[in-house]
Amino acid sequence: MFRLWAKEFKNNRMLKDTVIEDNRDETRTHKVFDALDEVCLQFDLSKPIWLEATVSDFKRHSKTRFTQDNFIEEIDFDYLEIHVIEED
């Protein structure tokens, strides 16, 4: 079971959150990208760009934040945080 928790924050308050589960026999990378696509659909967001710092944080902590720098369109929140909470 793979589960990714996504949270949208503004002024240090969580606005929205969701957990995406994936039981498919895929690589971790595919599961992360597919889960992020699902989060963007649920939150009505454009897909964020993975910058070098974003990738580095995610590799180290299985968690990262996407700020305005990661989005082409304007966002009405401070950041989107994703965190892998379960994987086997």
N, C-alpha and C. Protein backbone atom coordinates (compact mmCIF):
# COMPACT_ATOMS: atom_id res chain seq x y z
N MET A 1 0.85 -1.18 0.00
CA MET A 1 0.00 0.00 0.00
C MET A 1 0.89 1.25 0.00
N PHE A 2 0.60 2.14 -0.89
CA PHE A 2 1.30 3.43 -0.99
C PHE A 2 0.27 4.51 -0.70
N ARG A 3 0.61 5.42 0.21
CA ARG A 3 -0.30 6.52 0.52
C ARG A 3 0.47 7.83 0.56
N LEU A 4 -0.08 8.84 -0.11
CA LEU A 4 0.52 10.16 -0.15
C LEU A 4 -0.49 11.15 0.41
N TRP A 5 -0.04 11.96 1.36
CA TRP A 5 -0.89 12.96 2.00
C TRP A 5 -0.53 14.32 1.42
N ALA A 6 -1.50 15.03 0.88
CA ALA A 6 -1.29 16.35 0.31
C ALA A 6 -2.08 17.37 1.12
N LYS A 7 -1.42 18.51 1.41
CA LYS A 7 -2.05 19.56 2.22
C LYS A 7 -1.78 20.92 1.59
N GLU A 8 -2.78 21.76 1.59
CA GLU A 8 -2.66 23.12 1.08
C GLU A 8 -2.69 24.07 2.28
N PHE A 9 -1.70 24.97 2.36
CA PHE A 9 -1.59 25.88 3.50
C PHE A 9 -1.61 27.34 3.08
N LYS A 10 -2.20 28.17 3.94
CA LYS A 10 -2.14 29.62 3.80
C LYS A 10 -2.10 30.21 5.21
N ASN A 11 -1.14 31.09 5.44
CA ASN A 11 -0.95 31.72 6.76
C ASN A 11 -0.84 30.68 7.87
N ASN A 12 -0.06 29.64 7.60
CA ASN A 12 0.19 28.55 8.55
C ASN A 12 -1.07 27.80 8.98
N ARG A 13 -2.09 27.85 8.18
CA ARG A 13 -3.32 27.10 8.43
C ARG A 13 -3.60 26.18 7.25
N MET A 14 -4.00 24.97 7.57
CA MET A 14 -4.31 24.02 6.51
C MET A 14 -5.69 24.34 5.94
N LEU A 15 -5.74 24.55 4.62
CA LEU A 15 -7.00 24.84 3.94
C LEU A 15 -7.69 23.57 3.47
N LYS A 16 -6.90 22.67 2.88
CA LYS A 16 -7.43 21.42 2.33
C LYS A 16 -6.41 20.32 2.56
N ASP A 17 -6.91 19.10 2.59
CA ASP A 17 -6.00 17.96 2.59
C ASP A 17 -6.70 16.76 1.97
N THR A 18 -5.89 15.84 1.50
CA THR A 18 -6.40 14.61 0.92
C THR A 18 -5.33 13.54 1.02
N VAL A 19 -5.76 12.30 1.04
CA VAL A 19 -4.83 11.17 1.02
C VAL A 19 -5.12 10.36 -0.23
N ILE A 20 -4.09 10.11 -1.00
CA ILE A 20 -4.19 9.32 -2.23
C ILE A 20 -3.57 7.96 -1.96
N GLU A 21 -4.33 6.91 -2.24
CA GLU A 21 -3.84 5.54 -2.06
C GLU A 21 -3.59 4.90 -3.41
N ASP A 22 -2.56 4.07 -3.48
CA ASP A 22 -2.21 3.40 -4.73
C ASP A 22 -1.74 1.99 -4.41
N ASN A 23 -2.46 1.00 -4.89
CA ASN A 23 -2.10 -0.40 -4.66
C ASN A 23 -1.50 -1.07 -5.89
N ARG A 24 -1.26 -0.30 -6.95
CA ARG A 24 -0.76 -0.87 -8.20
C ARG A 24 0.68 -1.35 -8.04
N ASP A 25 1.06 -2.22 -8.93
CA ASP A 25 2.43 -2.74 -8.96
C ASP A 25 3.25 -1.84 -9.89
N GLU A 26 3.57 -0.66 -9.41
CA GLU A 26 4.33 0.34 -10.17
C GLU A 26 5.55 0.77 -9.36
N THR A 27 6.42 1.53 -9.98
CA THR A 27 7.57 2.07 -9.24
C THR A 27 7.10 3.18 -8.32
N ARG A 28 7.92 3.49 -7.34
CA ARG A 28 7.58 4.56 -6.39
C ARG A 28 7.43 5.88 -7.14
N THR A 29 8.31 6.14 -8.08
CA THR A 29 8.27 7.39 -8.84
C THR A 29 6.94 7.53 -9.59
N HIS A 30 6.50 6.46 -10.25
CA HIS A 30 5.21 6.51 -10.95
C HIS A 30 4.07 6.78 -9.97
N LYS A 31 4.13 6.13 -8.82
CA LYS A 31 3.06 6.33 -7.81
C LYS A 31 3.04 7.76 -7.32
N VAL A 32 4.21 8.35 -7.08
CA VAL A 32 4.27 9.74 -6.61
C VAL A 32 3.70 10.68 -7.66
N PHE A 33 4.15 10.55 -8.91
CA PHE A 33 3.66 11.42 -9.97
C PHE A 33 2.17 11.25 -10.21
N ASP A 34 1.69 10.02 -10.21
CA ASP A 34 0.26 9.78 -10.40
C ASP A 34 -0.57 10.33 -9.24
N ALA A 35 -0.06 10.17 -8.02
CA ALA A 35 -0.76 10.72 -6.85
C ALA A 35 -0.80 12.24 -6.92
N LEU A 36 0.31 12.86 -7.33
CA LEU A 36 0.33 14.32 -7.45
C LEU A 36 -0.64 14.79 -8.53
N ASP A 37 -0.74 14.05 -9.62
CA ASP A 37 -1.73 14.38 -10.66
C ASP A 37 -3.15 14.34 -10.09
N GLU A 38 -3.44 13.33 -9.28
CA GLU A 38 -4.76 13.20 -8.66
C GLU A 38 -5.03 14.35 -7.68
N VAL A 39 -4.01 14.74 -6.93
CA VAL A 39 -4.14 15.87 -6.00
C VAL A 39 -4.48 17.14 -6.78
N CYS A 40 -3.78 17.36 -7.87
CA CYS A 40 -4.03 18.55 -8.68
C CYS A 40 -5.45 18.55 -9.25
N LEU A 41 -5.94 17.39 -9.63
CA LEU A 41 -7.33 17.30 -10.09
C LEU A 41 -8.31 17.63 -8.97
N GLN A 42 -8.09 17.04 -7.80
CA GLN A 42 -9.00 17.27 -6.67
C GLN A 42 -8.98 18.73 -6.20
N PHE A 43 -7.79 19.35 -6.18
CA PHE A 43 -7.65 20.72 -5.69
C PHE A 43 -7.80 21.76 -6.81
N ASP A 44 -8.04 21.30 -8.06
CA ASP A 44 -8.17 22.18 -9.21
C ASP A 44 -6.93 23.07 -9.39
N LEU A 45 -5.77 22.41 -9.47
CA LEU A 45 -4.49 23.11 -9.62
C LEU A 45 -3.81 22.67 -10.91
N SER A 46 -2.94 23.56 -11.40
CA SER A 46 -2.06 23.13 -12.48
C SER A 46 -0.95 22.28 -11.86
N LYS A 47 -0.29 21.48 -12.67
CA LYS A 47 0.76 20.62 -12.14
C LYS A 47 1.98 21.45 -11.77
N PRO A 48 2.53 21.24 -10.60
CA PRO A 48 3.72 22.00 -10.21
C PRO A 48 4.97 21.48 -10.91
N ILE A 49 5.95 22.34 -10.99
CA ILE A 49 7.24 22.00 -11.58
C ILE A 49 8.17 21.53 -10.46
N TRP A 50 8.84 20.42 -10.69
CA TRP A 50 9.78 19.89 -9.70
C TRP A 50 11.12 20.61 -9.88
N LEU A 51 11.43 21.54 -9.00
CA LEU A 51 12.70 22.23 -9.02
C LEU A 51 13.75 21.39 -8.29
N GLU A 52 15.00 21.75 -8.46
CA GLU A 52 16.08 20.98 -7.85
C GLU A 52 15.93 20.87 -6.33
N ALA A 53 15.57 21.96 -5.68
CA ALA A 53 15.37 21.94 -4.23
C ALA A 53 14.20 21.06 -3.82
N THR A 54 13.16 21.07 -4.62
CA THR A 54 11.98 20.25 -4.35
C THR A 54 12.34 18.77 -4.41
N VAL A 55 13.06 18.39 -5.45
CA VAL A 55 13.48 17.00 -5.62
C VAL A 55 14.40 16.58 -4.48
N SER A 56 15.33 17.44 -4.12
CA SER A 56 16.27 17.14 -3.04
C SER A 56 15.55 16.92 -1.71
N ASP A 57 14.62 17.80 -1.37
CA ASP A 57 13.83 17.63 -0.13
C ASP A 57 13.05 16.33 -0.15
N PHE A 58 12.44 16.03 -1.28
CA PHE A 58 11.62 14.83 -1.37
C PHE A 58 12.47 13.57 -1.23
N LYS A 59 13.64 13.57 -1.86
CA LYS A 59 14.53 12.41 -1.75
C LYS A 59 14.98 12.19 -0.30
N ARG A 60 15.27 13.27 0.40
CA ARG A 60 15.76 13.17 1.77
C ARG A 60 14.68 12.81 2.78
N HIS A 61 13.50 13.39 2.64
CA HIS A 61 12.48 13.29 3.69
C HIS A 61 11.17 12.63 3.26
N SER A 62 11.04 12.26 2.00
CA SER A 62 9.77 11.77 1.44
C SER A 62 8.65 12.79 1.65
N LYS A 63 9.06 14.05 1.62
CA LYS A 63 8.14 15.15 1.88
C LYS A 63 8.71 16.40 1.21
N THR A 64 7.86 17.22 0.63
CA THR A 64 8.33 18.47 0.03
C THR A 64 7.19 19.48 -0.05
N ARG A 65 7.55 20.73 -0.32
CA ARG A 65 6.58 21.81 -0.47
C ARG A 65 6.73 22.44 -1.84
N PHE A 66 5.58 22.70 -2.46
CA PHE A 66 5.54 23.41 -3.73
C PHE A 66 5.00 24.81 -3.44
N THR A 67 5.81 25.83 -3.69
CA THR A 67 5.42 27.22 -3.48
C THR A 67 5.06 27.86 -4.82
N GLN A 68 4.83 29.16 -4.81
CA GLN A 68 4.50 29.87 -6.05
C GLN A 68 5.57 29.66 -7.12
N ASP A 69 6.82 29.52 -6.73
CA ASP A 69 7.91 29.30 -7.69
C ASP A 69 7.73 28.01 -8.51
N ASN A 70 6.99 27.06 -7.97
CA ASN A 70 6.79 25.77 -8.64
C ASN A 70 5.60 25.77 -9.59
N PHE A 71 4.81 26.82 -9.56
CA PHE A 71 3.60 26.89 -10.38
C PHE A 71 3.72 27.99 -11.42
N ILE A 72 3.20 27.74 -12.62
CA ILE A 72 3.19 28.76 -13.66
C ILE A 72 2.06 29.75 -13.40
N GLU A 73 0.89 29.22 -13.01
CA GLU A 73 -0.26 30.07 -12.72
C GLU A 73 -0.17 30.60 -11.29
N GLU A 74 -0.90 31.68 -11.03
CA GLU A 74 -0.97 32.22 -9.67
C GLU A 74 -1.71 31.23 -8.77
N ILE A 75 -1.25 31.09 -7.54
CA ILE A 75 -1.95 30.25 -6.57
C ILE A 75 -2.47 31.14 -5.45
N ASP A 76 -3.57 30.73 -4.82
CA ASP A 76 -4.18 31.53 -3.76
C ASP A 76 -3.90 30.94 -2.38
N PHE A 77 -2.77 30.26 -2.25
CA PHE A 77 -2.33 29.70 -0.97
C PHE A 77 -0.82 29.86 -0.91
N ASP A 78 -0.23 29.57 0.24
CA ASP A 78 1.22 29.75 0.40
C ASP A 78 2.03 28.59 -0.16
N TYR A 79 1.58 27.37 0.11
CA TYR A 79 2.29 26.20 -0.42
C TYR A 79 1.43 24.95 -0.37
N LEU A 80 1.80 24.01 -1.23
CA LEU A 80 1.21 22.68 -1.28
C LEU A 80 2.29 21.73 -0.76
N GLU A 81 1.96 20.98 0.26
CA GLU A 81 2.92 20.03 0.83
C GLU A 81 2.46 18.61 0.52
N ILE A 82 3.39 17.78 0.06
CA ILE A 82 3.09 16.36 -0.13
C ILE A 82 4.02 15.55 0.75
N HIS A 83 3.50 14.44 1.26
CA HIS A 83 4.26 13.62 2.20
C HIS A 83 3.84 12.16 2.00
N VAL A 84 4.82 11.30 1.72
CA VAL A 84 4.53 9.88 1.60
C VAL A 84 4.40 9.35 3.03
N ILE A 85 3.20 8.88 3.38
CA ILE A 85 2.96 8.44 4.76
C ILE A 85 2.99 6.94 4.92
N GLU A 86 2.93 6.21 3.80
CA GLU A 86 2.98 4.74 3.89
C GLU A 86 3.43 4.18 2.56
N GLU A 87 4.35 3.24 2.64
CA GLU A 87 4.74 2.50 1.43
C GLU A 87 5.32 1.17 1.86
N ASP A 88 5.09 0.17 1.02
CA ASP A 88 5.65 -1.15 1.33
C ASP A 88 6.23 -1.80 0.12
